[in-house]
Amino acid sequence: MDSVETVKQWIREMTSTDEGLVDLLIRLQTSVFSPDKGAYRRIARDQVSPFFNNWPAVEDKLKVMLSSNELMPEQEELKTALKNDD
């Protein structure tokens, strides 16, 4: 991965399916500790979003995908991580 554009292309390929998008974002979660919340996981939008051509569209897609009441545990974890970005 020799350039930002190479990384963006790789991300486009990895996220071409809903499953690939969720899988990649699960792997991009960051572990954080704060005195008031304790340990938790989050998606650092400021670090992740530059590698997506249209991050707002990704977030809109995730909102729809993660709105189901029957999510797998890793999808629930991702949903929580997206809420924890601060």
C-alpha atoms as a PDB file:
ATOM      1  CA  MET A   1       0.000   0.000   0.000  1.00  0.00           C
ATOM      2  CA  ASP A   2       2.155   2.777  -1.320  1.00  0.00           C
ATOM      3  CA  SER A   3      -0.308   5.661  -1.444  1.00  0.00           C
ATOM      4  CA  VAL A   4      -3.588   6.910  -0.050  1.00  0.00           C
ATOM      5  CA  GLU A   5      -5.222   6.179  -3.406  1.00  0.00           C
ATOM      6  CA  THR A   6      -4.050   2.553  -3.213  1.00  0.00           C
ATOM      7  CA  VAL A   7      -5.613   2.263   0.250  1.00  0.00           C
ATOM      8  CA  LYS A   8      -8.842   3.843  -1.010  1.00  0.00           C
ATOM      9  CA  GLN A   9      -8.980   1.383  -3.894  1.00  0.00           C
ATOM     10  CA  TRP A  10      -8.424  -1.544  -1.517  1.00  0.00           C
ATOM     11  CA  ILE A  11     -11.192  -0.232   0.751  1.00  0.00           C
ATOM     12  CA  ARG A  12     -13.559   0.103  -2.235  1.00  0.00           C
ATOM     13  CA  GLU A  13     -12.897  -3.528  -3.102  1.00  0.00           C
ATOM     14  CA  MET A  14     -13.271  -4.731   0.505  1.00  0.00           C
ATOM     15  CA  THR A  15     -16.513  -2.809   1.034  1.00  0.00           C
ATOM     16  CA  SER A  16     -18.197  -3.665  -2.266  1.00  0.00           C
ATOM     17  CA  THR A  17     -20.624  -5.854  -0.297  1.00  0.00           C
ATOM     18  CA  ASP A  18     -22.561  -5.081   2.882  1.00  0.00           C
ATOM     19  CA  GLU A  19     -20.795  -7.944   4.620  1.00  0.00           C
ATOM     20  CA  GLY A  20     -17.393  -6.585   3.591  1.00  0.00           C
ATOM     21  CA  LEU A  21     -18.260  -3.107   4.838  1.00  0.00           C
ATOM     22  CA  VAL A  22     -19.375  -4.375   8.240  1.00  0.00           C
ATOM     23  CA  ASP A  23     -16.373  -6.704   8.507  1.00  0.00           C
ATOM     24  CA  LEU A  24     -13.874  -3.936   7.718  1.00  0.00           C
ATOM     25  CA  LEU A  25     -15.435  -1.460  10.140  1.00  0.00           C
ATOM     26  CA  ILE A  26     -15.512  -4.071  12.893  1.00  0.00           C
ATOM     27  CA  ARG A  27     -11.778  -4.460  12.397  1.00  0.00           C
ATOM     28  CA  LEU A  28     -11.237  -0.682  12.404  1.00  0.00           C
ATOM     29  CA  GLN A  29     -12.743  -0.179  15.847  1.00  0.00           C
ATOM     30  CA  THR A  30     -10.512   1.517  18.388  1.00  0.00           C
ATOM     31  CA  SER A  31     -10.329   0.567  22.074  1.00  0.00           C
ATOM     32  CA  VAL A  32     -10.656   3.570  24.350  1.00  0.00           C
ATOM     33  CA  PHE A  33     -10.672   4.177  28.083  1.00  0.00           C
ATOM     34  CA  SER A  34     -12.123   7.203  29.784  1.00  0.00           C
ATOM     35  CA  PRO A  35     -12.607   7.898  33.490  1.00  0.00           C
ATOM     36  CA  ASP A  36     -16.356   8.426  33.108  1.00  0.00           C
ATOM     37  CA  LYS A  37     -17.188   5.622  30.607  1.00  0.00           C
ATOM     38  CA  GLY A  38     -14.496   3.075  31.385  1.00  0.00           C
ATOM     39  CA  ALA A  39     -13.302   0.843  28.529  1.00  0.00           C
ATOM     40  CA  TYR A  40     -15.263   0.865  25.304  1.00  0.00           C
ATOM     41  CA  ARG A  41     -14.878   0.499  21.524  1.00  0.00           C
ATOM     42  CA  ARG A  42     -15.510   3.193  18.941  1.00  0.00           C
ATOM     43  CA  ILE A  43     -15.101   4.041  15.286  1.00  0.00           C
ATOM     44  CA  ALA A  44     -12.803   7.061  14.990  1.00  0.00           C
ATOM     45  CA  ARG A  45     -14.594   8.796  12.124  1.00  0.00           C
ATOM     46  CA  ASP A  46     -11.865  11.414  11.768  1.00  0.00           C
ATOM     47  CA  GLN A  47      -9.343   8.645  11.079  1.00  0.00           C
ATOM     48  CA  VAL A  48     -11.525   6.301   9.013  1.00  0.00           C
ATOM     49  CA  SER A  49     -13.607   8.653   6.867  1.00  0.00           C
ATOM     50  CA  PRO A  50     -10.752  10.047   4.693  1.00  0.00           C
ATOM     51  CA  PHE A  51     -10.316   6.607   3.126  1.00  0.00           C
ATOM     52  CA  PHE A  52     -13.910   6.457   1.891  1.00  0.00           C
ATOM     53  CA  ASN A  53     -14.993   8.469  -1.136  1.00  0.00           C
ATOM     54  CA  ASN A  54     -18.322   9.379   0.480  1.00  0.00           C
ATOM     55  CA  TRP A  55     -18.342   8.781   4.240  1.00  0.00           C
ATOM     56  CA  PRO A  56     -21.840  10.331   4.774  1.00  0.00           C
ATOM     57  CA  ALA A  57     -23.256   7.787   2.301  1.00  0.00           C
ATOM     58  CA  VAL A  58     -21.466   4.996   4.203  1.00  0.00           C
ATOM     59  CA  GLU A  59     -23.019   6.189   7.466  1.00  0.00           C
ATOM     60  CA  ASP A  60     -26.468   6.351   5.876  1.00  0.00           C
ATOM     61  CA  LYS A  61     -26.049   2.809   4.558  1.00  0.00           C
ATOM     62  CA  LEU A  62     -24.910   1.586   7.987  1.00  0.00           C
ATOM     63  CA  LYS A  63     -27.906   3.203   9.696  1.00  0.00           C
ATOM     64  CA  VAL A  64     -30.231   1.206   7.470  1.00  0.00           C
ATOM     65  CA  MET A  65     -28.216  -2.006   7.778  1.00  0.00           C
ATOM     66  CA  LEU A  66     -27.952  -1.759  11.566  1.00  0.00           C
ATOM     67  CA  SER A  67     -31.558  -0.714  12.219  1.00  0.00           C
ATOM     68  CA  SER A  68     -32.819  -4.294  12.410  1.00  0.00           C
ATOM     69  CA  ASN A  69     -33.834  -5.760  15.749  1.00  0.00           C
ATOM     70  CA  GLU A  70     -32.166  -9.052  14.775  1.00  0.00           C
ATOM     71  CA  LEU A  71     -28.481  -8.167  14.499  1.00  0.00           C
ATOM     72  CA  MET A  72     -25.608 -10.574  14.934  1.00  0.00           C
ATOM     73  CA  PRO A  73     -23.388  -9.828  17.968  1.00  0.00           C
ATOM     74  CA  GLU A  74     -20.629  -8.232  15.869  1.00  0.00           C
ATOM     75  CA  GLN A  75     -23.195  -6.009  14.150  1.00  0.00           C
ATOM     76  CA  GLU A  76     -24.492  -4.905  17.575  1.00  0.00           C
ATOM     77  CA  GLU A  77     -20.908  -4.176  18.598  1.00  0.00           C
ATOM     78  CA  LEU A  78     -20.386  -2.079  15.477  1.00  0.00           C
ATOM     79  CA  LYS A  79     -23.644  -0.204  16.061  1.00  0.00           C
ATOM     80  CA  THR A  80     -22.482   0.662  19.582  1.00  0.00           C
ATOM     81  CA  ALA A  81     -18.999   1.618  18.362  1.00  0.00           C
ATOM     82  CA  LEU A  82     -20.504   4.038  15.849  1.00  0.00           C
ATOM     83  CA  LYS A  83     -22.496   5.689  18.645  1.00  0.00           C
ATOM     84  CA  ASN A  84     -19.375   5.955  20.834  1.00  0.00           C
ATOM     85  CA  ASP A  85     -17.385   8.244  18.544  1.00  0.00           C
ATOM     86  CA  ASP A  86     -16.538  11.360  20.519  1.00  0.00           C
END
